[in-house]
Amino acid sequence: MRMKVNGVELSVQTFGDPADPPVLLIGITMLSWPDEFCAALTGRYVVRYDLRDTGESTYVDPEAPAYTLRDLVTDASELLSALEIDRAHVAGMGVGGFVAQLLALDHPGQVASLTLVSTRPVAPGRIDPDLPDHDPDVMKQLFGRPEPDWTDRDSVVDHLTGSARLLAGSRGFDEDDVRASAAAVFDRAGRTAEAQRASHLGSMFAAIDCRPRWRSRLGEIGAPTLVVHGDEDPFFPHGNGVALAAEIPGATLLTLPGIGQGLPRVTWPAVVDALLRHTT
């Protein structure tokens, strides 16, 4: 379904009974959180959605976005209100973790608990000197390859599969899952090369205004917080998760051994169990 919030339309999907505890999942597109993962959150009312300029949500120009990171936070806040959800358990993955952190800081009454997956306490741009930055060798391999033909499904799926292999860690790569996920994202975005790039990579995050920085405010987060991070993540290395868990009062860190960026299928038993316990 499509819902009008904050001047845009967001494509939204729900799983489960609206009477159950609500869980809002924030990634780049709703497919950042696979169907089977969402279905495994039994006894929860799961909400996932496409950010603006991705998937089937309002698309304008992800290469030159006229909105800011705070607009994305307002989108999430207004989406909860539109769904008549007073307070939700909020989980953000990767760049979706930026939105989740700021939702907890700027709209604390709407956040019953917070889960942060494979993310960091600073947005794109200058990294704080005490935080580990992207692994330079992996980044050289990742961005040193020719870009795919973003309008060709096979080219995009092959390229994203290679990227996932570089980012997965020693236990995290499942080629069948990666190829199926990339194909599904391609089929839903299906417009221009820019739309495909944004839907797969969240490329608009490199262009939007993310100021002001919020790391110094992490101590204000009052929602119970779970930080989930792979110890072989080359994109947002594990030290970023350690910092989040240290700076958010009372936060718990769940480290995933041998895992890189994201939540591959091998992690689901442990992560689903942790999320279910965290979102009661």
Protein backbone atom coordinates (compact mmCIF):
# COMPACT_ATOMS: atom_id res chain seq x y z
CA MET A 1 0.00 0.00 0.00
CA ARG A 2 1.02 3.64 -0.45
CA MET A 3 0.62 6.17 2.32
CA LYS A 4 0.87 9.97 2.11
CA VAL A 5 3.17 11.43 4.76
CA ASN A 6 5.27 14.60 4.95
CA GLY A 7 4.42 15.60 1.38
CA VAL A 8 5.42 12.28 -0.23
CA GLU A 9 3.96 8.82 -0.77
CA LEU A 10 5.73 5.89 0.85
CA SER A 11 5.26 2.29 -0.22
CA VAL A 12 4.51 0.30 2.93
CA GLN A 13 3.95 -3.36 3.76
CA THR A 14 2.83 -4.92 7.03
CA PHE A 15 3.00 -8.43 8.48
CA GLY A 16 0.96 -9.83 11.35
CA ASP A 17 -1.84 -8.59 13.57
CA PRO A 18 -2.15 -4.83 14.23
CA ALA A 19 -3.09 -5.72 17.81
CA ASP A 20 0.41 -7.13 18.42
CA PRO A 21 3.44 -5.05 19.45
CA PRO A 22 4.45 -2.95 16.41
CA VAL A 23 7.96 -3.16 14.94
CA LEU A 24 9.08 -0.55 12.38
CA LEU A 25 11.94 -1.76 10.17
CA ILE A 26 14.03 0.91 8.42
CA GLY A 27 16.50 0.09 5.66
CA ILE A 28 17.03 1.49 2.18
CA THR A 29 14.02 -0.28 0.72
CA MET A 30 11.54 -2.55 2.43
CA LEU A 31 13.48 -5.48 0.91
CA SER A 32 16.42 -4.64 3.17
CA TRP A 33 14.35 -6.84 5.51
CA PRO A 34 13.48 -10.07 3.61
CA ASP A 35 9.98 -11.55 3.66
CA GLU A 36 11.04 -14.64 5.61
CA PHE A 37 12.83 -12.55 8.22
CA CYS A 38 9.74 -10.40 8.74
CA ALA A 39 7.48 -13.47 8.93
CA ALA A 40 9.78 -14.99 11.56
CA LEU A 41 8.99 -12.10 13.94
CA THR A 42 5.95 -13.96 15.19
CA GLY A 43 3.59 -12.17 17.53
CA ARG A 44 4.70 -8.78 16.19
CA TYR A 45 3.01 -6.32 13.84
CA VAL A 46 5.88 -5.70 11.45
CA VAL A 47 5.99 -2.57 9.25
CA ARG A 48 8.57 -2.08 6.50
CA TYR A 49 8.72 0.60 3.83
CA ASP A 50 10.69 2.10 0.96
CA LEU A 51 12.49 5.35 1.71
CA ARG A 52 11.59 8.19 -0.67
CA ASP A 53 13.51 7.93 -3.95
CA THR A 54 13.69 4.13 -3.61
CA GLY A 55 11.52 1.16 -4.44
CA GLU A 56 7.94 2.19 -5.15
CA SER A 57 7.88 5.33 -2.97
CA THR A 58 7.83 8.88 -4.32
CA TYR A 59 10.71 9.30 -6.72
CA VAL A 60 12.11 12.68 -7.72
CA ASP A 61 15.90 12.82 -8.05
CA PRO A 62 18.12 10.76 -5.73
CA GLU A 63 21.22 12.24 -7.37
CA ALA A 64 20.26 15.77 -6.25
CA PRO A 65 17.80 15.33 -3.38
CA ALA A 66 15.98 18.42 -2.16
CA TYR A 67 15.35 16.86 1.26
CA THR A 68 17.54 16.25 4.30
CA LEU A 69 18.18 13.37 6.67
CA ARG A 70 15.76 15.04 9.10
CA ASP A 71 13.05 14.86 6.42
CA LEU A 72 13.56 11.10 6.30
CA VAL A 73 13.17 11.02 10.08
CA THR A 74 9.93 13.00 9.80
CA ASP A 75 8.75 10.54 7.13
CA ALA A 76 9.17 7.69 9.63
CA SER A 77 7.49 9.62 12.43
CA GLU A 78 4.50 10.58 10.30
CA LEU A 79 4.23 7.04 8.92
CA LEU A 80 3.74 5.71 12.45
CA SER A 81 1.06 8.34 13.06
CA ALA A 82 -0.68 7.51 9.77
CA LEU A 83 -0.76 3.86 10.79
CA GLU A 84 -2.23 4.90 14.15
CA ILE A 85 0.77 3.49 15.99
CA ASP A 86 1.52 5.52 19.11
CA ARG A 87 4.82 3.80 19.97
CA ALA A 88 6.80 1.25 17.98
CA HIS A 89 9.85 -0.88 18.44
CA VAL A 90 12.18 0.62 15.84
CA ALA A 91 15.01 -1.20 14.04
CA GLY A 92 17.37 0.50 11.59
CA MET A 93 19.94 -1.23 9.39
CA GLY A 94 22.94 0.42 7.75
CA VAL A 95 22.04 3.96 6.69
CA GLY A 96 18.54 3.20 8.03
CA GLY A 97 20.25 3.21 11.41
CA PHE A 98 20.85 6.95 11.03
CA VAL A 99 17.09 7.47 10.67
CA ALA A 100 16.39 5.17 13.61
CA GLN A 101 18.84 6.95 15.93
CA LEU A 102 17.36 10.34 15.14
CA LEU A 103 13.80 9.06 15.47
CA ALA A 104 14.68 7.94 19.00
CA LEU A 105 16.33 11.30 19.74
CA ASP A 106 13.84 13.68 18.15
CA HIS A 107 10.60 11.71 18.65
CA PRO A 108 11.31 9.71 21.82
CA GLY A 109 7.64 9.25 22.64
CA GLN A 110 7.19 7.18 19.49
CA VAL A 111 10.04 4.73 20.17
CA ALA A 112 9.41 1.88 22.60
CA SER A 113 12.78 0.27 21.91
CA LEU A 114 15.63 0.72 19.46
CA THR A 115 17.64 -1.84 17.50
CA LEU A 116 20.65 -0.71 15.44
CA VAL A 117 22.11 -3.12 12.89
CA SER A 118 25.39 -2.65 11.00
CA THR A 119 25.39 1.11 11.42
CA ARG A 120 27.43 3.87 13.06
CA PRO A 121 26.94 7.05 15.12
CA VAL A 122 28.01 9.46 12.36
CA ALA A 123 26.59 10.07 8.88
CA PRO A 124 28.49 10.00 5.56
CA GLY A 125 31.41 12.38 5.50
CA ARG A 126 34.09 13.06 8.07
CA ILE A 127 34.63 10.15 10.44
CA ASP A 128 35.47 10.80 14.09
CA PRO A 129 39.11 9.90 14.82
CA ASP A 130 38.19 7.30 17.45
CA LEU A 131 35.92 5.37 15.05
CA PRO A 132 37.12 2.84 12.47
CA ASP A 133 36.44 3.96 8.91
CA HIS A 134 35.62 1.81 5.87
CA ASP A 135 38.26 -0.86 5.23
CA PRO A 136 40.45 0.78 2.55
CA ASP A 137 41.36 -2.46 0.75
CA VAL A 138 37.74 -3.57 0.49
CA MET A 139 36.63 -0.09 -0.59
CA LYS A 140 39.28 -0.09 -3.33
CA GLN A 141 37.94 -3.40 -4.63
CA LEU A 142 34.31 -2.33 -4.17
CA PHE A 143 34.54 0.98 -6.00
CA GLY A 144 37.42 0.16 -8.32
CA ARG A 145 35.22 -2.07 -10.49
CA PRO A 146 33.31 -0.71 -13.48
CA GLU A 147 29.70 0.17 -12.63
CA PRO A 148 27.04 -2.12 -14.05
CA ASP A 149 24.52 -1.12 -16.65
CA TRP A 150 21.97 -0.03 -14.07
CA THR A 151 19.14 -0.50 -16.57
CA ASP A 152 20.05 -4.16 -17.22
CA ARG A 153 18.77 -6.66 -14.65
CA ASP A 154 21.49 -9.30 -15.15
CA SER A 155 24.26 -6.71 -15.06
CA VAL A 156 22.95 -5.25 -11.81
CA VAL A 157 22.43 -8.63 -10.15
CA ASP A 158 25.96 -9.77 -11.09
CA HIS A 159 27.48 -6.51 -9.83
CA LEU A 160 25.59 -6.52 -6.53
CA THR A 161 26.49 -10.17 -5.98
CA GLY A 162 30.16 -9.27 -6.29
CA SER A 163 29.70 -6.38 -3.88
CA ALA A 164 27.95 -8.60 -1.34
CA ARG A 165 30.79 -11.11 -1.53
CA LEU A 166 33.26 -8.36 -0.58
CA LEU A 167 31.12 -7.12 2.34
CA ALA A 168 29.85 -10.41 3.74
CA GLY A 169 32.59 -11.59 6.09
CA SER A 170 33.78 -15.20 6.28
CA ARG A 171 30.34 -16.66 7.18
CA GLY A 172 27.88 -14.24 5.65
CA PHE A 173 27.80 -14.89 1.91
CA ASP A 174 24.86 -16.82 0.47
CA GLU A 175 24.90 -16.34 -3.31
CA ASP A 176 21.39 -17.62 -3.91
CA ASP A 177 19.93 -15.21 -1.36
CA VAL A 178 22.00 -12.29 -2.62
CA ARG A 179 21.04 -12.82 -6.26
CA ALA A 180 17.36 -13.22 -5.41
CA SER A 181 17.38 -10.09 -3.25
CA ALA A 182 19.15 -7.96 -5.88
CA ALA A 183 16.71 -9.14 -8.56
CA ALA A 184 13.72 -8.34 -6.35
CA VAL A 185 15.00 -4.83 -5.62
CA PHE A 186 15.64 -4.28 -9.34
CA ASP A 187 12.13 -5.38 -10.27
CA ARG A 188 10.50 -2.99 -7.80
CA ALA A 189 12.63 0.06 -8.61
CA GLY A 190 12.50 -0.48 -12.37
CA ARG A 191 12.77 3.10 -13.54
CA THR A 192 16.03 4.90 -14.29
CA ALA A 193 19.66 4.10 -13.57
CA GLU A 194 19.54 6.70 -10.78
CA ALA A 195 16.53 5.03 -9.19
CA GLN A 196 18.22 1.64 -9.37
CA ARG A 197 21.42 2.98 -7.81
CA ALA A 198 19.48 4.61 -4.99
CA SER A 199 17.36 1.52 -4.31
CA HIS A 200 20.35 -0.81 -4.17
CA LEU A 201 22.99 1.44 -2.61
CA GLY A 202 21.18 4.26 -0.83
CA SER A 203 23.24 6.63 -2.96
CA MET A 204 21.17 9.65 -1.91
CA PHE A 205 22.76 9.46 1.56
CA ALA A 206 26.00 10.73 0.05
CA ALA A 207 24.16 13.82 -1.21
CA ILE A 208 21.62 14.76 1.45
CA ASP A 209 22.35 17.23 4.24
CA CYS A 210 22.81 15.18 7.42
CA ARG A 211 23.64 18.10 9.73
CA PRO A 212 23.64 18.66 12.62
CA ARG A 213 25.70 15.73 13.85
CA TRP A 214 24.05 13.74 16.62
CA ARG A 215 26.71 11.54 18.22
CA SER A 216 27.07 13.87 21.21
CA ARG A 217 23.34 13.37 21.90
CA LEU A 218 23.39 9.56 22.08
CA GLY A 219 23.33 9.74 25.87
CA GLU A 220 19.82 11.24 25.60
CA ILE A 221 18.36 8.02 24.17
CA GLY A 222 16.08 6.54 26.80
CA ALA A 223 14.64 3.65 24.78
CA PRO A 224 16.07 0.20 25.55
CA THR A 225 18.64 -0.35 22.82
CA LEU A 226 20.07 -3.44 21.15
CA VAL A 227 23.10 -3.01 18.88
CA VAL A 228 23.72 -5.83 16.39
CA HIS A 229 27.02 -5.82 14.50
CA GLY A 230 29.17 -8.29 12.60
CA ASP A 231 32.76 -8.51 13.78
CA GLU A 232 34.01 -8.68 10.16
CA ASP A 233 32.05 -5.73 8.77
CA PRO A 234 34.39 -3.86 6.40
CA PHE A 235 31.93 -1.06 5.59
CA PHE A 236 30.98 0.09 9.10
CA PRO A 237 33.59 -1.84 11.10
CA HIS A 238 32.67 -3.43 14.42
CA GLY A 239 34.13 -0.58 16.47
CA ASN A 240 31.21 1.56 15.35
CA GLY A 241 28.77 -0.84 16.98
CA VAL A 242 30.95 -0.93 20.09
CA ALA A 243 30.80 2.87 20.25
CA LEU A 244 27.02 2.94 19.87
CA ALA A 245 26.57 0.38 22.63
CA ALA A 246 28.96 2.29 24.91
CA GLU A 247 27.39 5.70 24.37
CA ILE A 248 23.68 4.81 24.51
CA PRO A 249 22.73 4.29 28.15
CA GLY A 250 22.10 0.66 29.02
CA ALA A 251 22.52 -0.59 25.45
CA THR A 252 23.34 -4.24 24.76
CA LEU A 253 25.77 -5.31 22.02
CA LEU A 254 25.13 -8.52 20.08
CA THR A 255 28.25 -9.35 18.07
CA LEU A 256 27.82 -11.69 15.10
CA PRO A 257 31.03 -13.73 14.59
CA GLY A 258 32.30 -14.00 11.04
CA ILE A 259 29.64 -11.65 9.70
CA GLY A 260 30.13 -8.52 7.63
CA GLN A 261 27.53 -5.94 6.65
CA GLY A 262 23.84 -6.75 7.12
CA LEU A 263 21.91 -9.79 8.29
CA PRO A 264 22.50 -12.82 6.08
CA ARG A 265 20.29 -15.87 6.62
CA VAL A 266 22.85 -17.61 8.86
CA THR A 267 22.31 -14.88 11.49
CA TRP A 268 18.52 -15.05 11.55
CA PRO A 269 18.05 -17.57 14.38
CA ALA A 270 20.15 -15.51 16.80
CA VAL A 271 18.91 -12.11 15.62
CA VAL A 272 15.22 -13.04 15.48
CA ASP A 273 15.45 -14.49 18.97
CA ALA A 274 17.15 -11.32 20.25
CA LEU A 275 14.60 -9.09 18.54
CA LEU A 276 11.65 -11.02 19.91
CA ARG A 277 13.03 -10.74 23.43
CA HIS A 278 13.81 -7.06 22.89
CA THR A 279 10.38 -6.10 21.54
CA THR A 280 7.98 -7.53 24.10
